[in-house]
Amino acid sequence: KTDDGEKDHYLTSVTWSPDEAFIYIAILNRDQNHLWLNKYDAKTGDKVKTLFEETDKKYVHPTHSLVFVPGQNNEFIWWSERDGFNHLYLYTYRGSVVKKLTKGNWEVKSVLGFDTKGENVFFLANEQSPVNQDVYSVNLTTFEMKRITDGNGYHNAILSKNGDFIIDNFTS
């Protein structure tokens, strides 16, 4: 049983901490309208704490693992549709939100990765139009978002491991 007393739940967004000491699991109730993001000790399996809860009248949609900021065990990116659109939120490992990284009437489609220093996260989104997709970055200190690609069409990109280069497959 979990915090709500029910026996049956969905386990989603299972993610190891970068140091492999903890496992993060999003517990979703059977009605799929209440989520608990829990942190567990990897050695014992004991629950350390619930970082946060997310609820919706109709549906909570956790489909992505946590994305930890490189070189840090204390910050991660969480995907959420809590405002009606799929956006990125920066959280501390204690469960407090630092900042909503993206916002607007558009969707983040995927996270490509980070630059070498872990200062910027790169992602694909349809901010310009529902039928377009572009590469964007957002700085994790200033929270400034930049569009990297241009042109009316669909960009599908791959980010190099160190974040210095992007291979852009573009269709217009």
Protein backbone atom coordinates (compact mmCIF):
# COMPACT_ATOMS: atom_id res chain seq x y z
CA LYS A 1 0.00 0.00 0.00
CA THR A 2 1.06 3.59 -0.59
CA ASP A 3 0.20 6.91 1.02
CA ASP A 4 -3.39 6.90 -0.24
CA GLY A 5 -4.09 3.45 1.27
CA GLU A 6 -4.78 1.77 -2.07
CA LYS A 7 -3.05 -1.48 -3.09
CA ASP A 8 -3.00 -1.03 -6.87
CA HIS A 9 -0.93 1.66 -8.58
CA TYR A 10 1.05 2.30 -11.72
CA LEU A 11 4.82 2.74 -11.34
CA THR A 12 6.20 5.21 -13.89
CA SER A 13 9.18 7.47 -14.58
CA VAL A 14 11.58 5.11 -12.77
CA THR A 15 14.98 6.85 -12.58
CA TRP A 16 18.27 6.09 -10.82
CA SER A 17 20.03 9.02 -9.14
CA PRO A 18 23.36 9.87 -10.81
CA ASP A 19 25.27 8.43 -7.84
CA GLU A 20 23.06 5.28 -7.95
CA ALA A 21 22.23 5.64 -4.26
CA PHE A 22 18.53 6.33 -4.84
CA ILE A 23 15.69 5.33 -7.13
CA TYR A 24 12.94 7.79 -8.00
CA ILE A 25 9.53 6.38 -8.88
CA ALA A 26 6.35 8.21 -9.83
CA ILE A 27 3.44 6.36 -8.23
CA LEU A 28 0.19 6.93 -10.12
CA ASN A 29 -3.18 5.89 -8.69
CA ARG A 30 -5.53 3.64 -10.67
CA ASP A 31 -7.74 6.60 -11.62
CA GLN A 32 -4.57 8.22 -13.06
CA ASN A 33 -5.38 11.60 -11.53
CA HIS A 34 -2.97 11.64 -8.54
CA LEU A 35 0.79 11.18 -8.68
CA TRP A 36 3.42 10.97 -5.95
CA LEU A 37 7.08 11.32 -6.93
CA ASN A 38 8.88 9.19 -4.34
CA LYS A 39 12.56 8.76 -3.53
CA TYR A 40 13.74 5.32 -2.35
CA ASP A 41 17.02 4.08 -0.90
CA ALA A 42 18.54 1.82 -3.58
CA LYS A 43 20.17 -0.56 -1.06
CA THR A 44 17.23 -1.13 1.25
CA GLY A 45 14.25 -0.23 -0.91
CA ASP A 46 12.95 1.94 1.92
CA LYS A 47 11.02 5.06 1.00
CA VAL A 48 13.07 8.17 1.83
CA LYS A 49 10.33 10.71 1.11
CA THR A 50 7.65 11.93 -1.27
CA LEU A 51 9.20 14.82 -3.19
CA PHE A 52 5.92 16.23 -4.48
CA GLU A 53 2.41 15.34 -5.57
CA GLU A 54 0.65 16.23 -8.78
CA THR A 55 -3.10 16.01 -9.25
CA ASP A 56 -5.62 16.74 -11.98
CA LYS A 57 -9.40 16.40 -12.13
CA LYS A 58 -9.13 14.13 -15.15
CA TYR A 59 -5.63 12.79 -15.83
CA VAL A 60 -1.96 13.07 -14.82
CA HIS A 61 0.35 11.96 -17.63
CA PRO A 62 3.85 11.01 -16.40
CA THR A 63 5.68 9.54 -19.39
CA HIS A 64 9.28 10.68 -18.90
CA SER A 65 12.05 9.83 -16.50
CA LEU A 66 13.72 12.51 -14.42
CA VAL A 67 16.57 14.27 -16.26
CA PHE A 68 19.36 15.13 -13.82
CA VAL A 69 21.50 18.18 -14.50
CA PRO A 70 24.99 16.89 -15.42
CA GLY A 71 27.53 16.92 -12.60
CA GLN A 72 24.83 17.44 -9.98
CA ASN A 73 22.81 15.08 -7.84
CA ASN A 74 20.71 17.93 -6.49
CA GLU A 75 18.69 19.20 -9.49
CA PHE A 76 16.55 17.48 -12.07
CA ILE A 77 14.09 18.33 -14.79
CA TRP A 78 10.52 17.04 -14.54
CA TRP A 79 8.04 16.98 -17.43
CA SER A 80 4.47 17.94 -16.63
CA GLU A 81 1.21 18.79 -18.38
CA ARG A 82 -0.17 20.52 -15.27
CA ASP A 83 -0.96 23.71 -17.23
CA GLY A 84 -2.49 21.81 -20.16
CA PHE A 85 0.74 21.70 -22.21
CA ASN A 86 3.83 19.51 -21.88
CA HIS A 87 6.52 21.68 -20.22
CA LEU A 88 9.77 21.37 -18.28
CA TYR A 89 10.24 22.21 -14.59
CA LEU A 90 13.53 22.45 -12.69
CA TYR A 91 13.36 20.80 -9.24
CA THR A 92 15.76 20.31 -6.37
CA TYR A 93 16.36 16.80 -5.08
CA ARG A 94 14.35 17.82 -1.99
CA GLY A 95 11.23 18.25 -4.14
CA SER A 96 10.92 22.02 -4.38
CA VAL A 97 10.41 23.59 -7.77
CA VAL A 98 13.15 26.05 -8.73
CA LYS A 99 11.49 27.36 -11.89
CA LYS A 100 9.14 26.46 -14.69
CA LEU A 101 11.66 26.34 -17.55
CA THR A 102 9.21 26.49 -20.45
CA LYS A 103 5.74 27.97 -20.72
CA GLY A 104 3.14 28.83 -23.31
CA ASN A 105 0.44 27.32 -25.49
CA TRP A 106 2.83 24.82 -27.07
CA GLU A 107 4.53 21.50 -26.25
CA VAL A 108 8.04 20.34 -25.41
CA LYS A 109 8.49 17.20 -27.52
CA SER A 110 11.83 15.84 -26.29
CA VAL A 111 14.94 16.74 -24.32
CA LEU A 112 18.11 16.44 -26.41
CA GLY A 113 20.66 16.97 -23.63
CA PHE A 114 22.92 19.56 -22.03
CA ASP A 115 25.99 21.58 -22.89
CA THR A 116 29.34 20.58 -21.35
CA LYS A 117 28.92 22.64 -18.19
CA GLY A 118 25.28 21.66 -17.65
CA GLU A 119 24.26 25.32 -17.92
CA ASN A 120 21.82 24.92 -20.83
CA VAL A 121 19.33 22.20 -21.66
CA PHE A 122 18.45 21.64 -25.33
CA PHE A 123 15.04 20.40 -26.41
CA LEU A 124 12.61 20.07 -29.32
CA ALA A 125 9.34 22.00 -29.22
CA ASN A 126 6.52 23.27 -31.43
CA GLU A 127 6.45 26.83 -30.05
CA GLN A 128 6.18 28.47 -33.52
CA SER A 129 3.31 26.32 -34.81
CA PRO A 130 1.66 22.97 -34.04
CA VAL A 131 3.03 21.57 -37.32
CA ASN A 132 6.57 22.93 -36.83
CA GLN A 133 9.30 21.64 -34.56
CA ASP A 134 12.45 23.54 -33.61
CA VAL A 135 15.49 23.15 -31.38
CA TYR A 136 15.57 25.39 -28.33
CA SER A 137 17.80 25.90 -25.33
CA VAL A 138 17.03 27.27 -21.89
CA ASN A 139 19.68 28.49 -19.47
CA LEU A 140 19.32 26.94 -16.00
CA THR A 141 20.58 30.10 -14.25
CA THR A 142 19.04 32.99 -16.19
CA PHE A 143 16.09 30.89 -17.49
CA GLU A 144 16.44 32.59 -20.87
CA MET A 145 15.02 30.48 -23.69
CA LYS A 146 16.50 30.68 -27.22
CA ARG A 147 15.33 29.24 -30.51
CA ILE A 148 18.35 27.57 -32.13
CA THR A 149 16.93 26.54 -35.51
CA ASP A 150 14.98 28.63 -37.97
CA GLY A 151 12.85 28.09 -41.02
CA ASN A 152 9.24 27.07 -41.29
CA GLY A 153 9.17 23.28 -41.01
CA TYR A 154 10.12 20.29 -38.92
CA HIS A 155 13.55 19.96 -37.28
CA ASN A 156 14.55 16.61 -35.81
CA ALA A 157 17.94 17.00 -34.16
CA ILE A 158 20.66 15.02 -32.42
CA LEU A 159 22.90 16.77 -29.89
CA SER A 160 26.55 15.77 -29.60
CA LYS A 161 27.57 14.23 -26.28
CA ASN A 162 29.35 17.41 -25.14
CA GLY A 163 26.54 19.68 -26.38
CA ASP A 164 28.75 21.59 -28.83
CA PHE A 165 27.14 20.36 -32.07
CA ILE A 166 23.70 19.59 -33.39
CA ILE A 167 22.90 17.40 -36.38
CA ASP A 168 19.68 18.84 -37.76
CA ASN A 169 17.44 16.84 -40.07
CA PHE A 170 15.10 19.49 -41.49
CA THR A 171 11.99 19.10 -43.63
CA SER A 172 9.96 21.97 -45.00
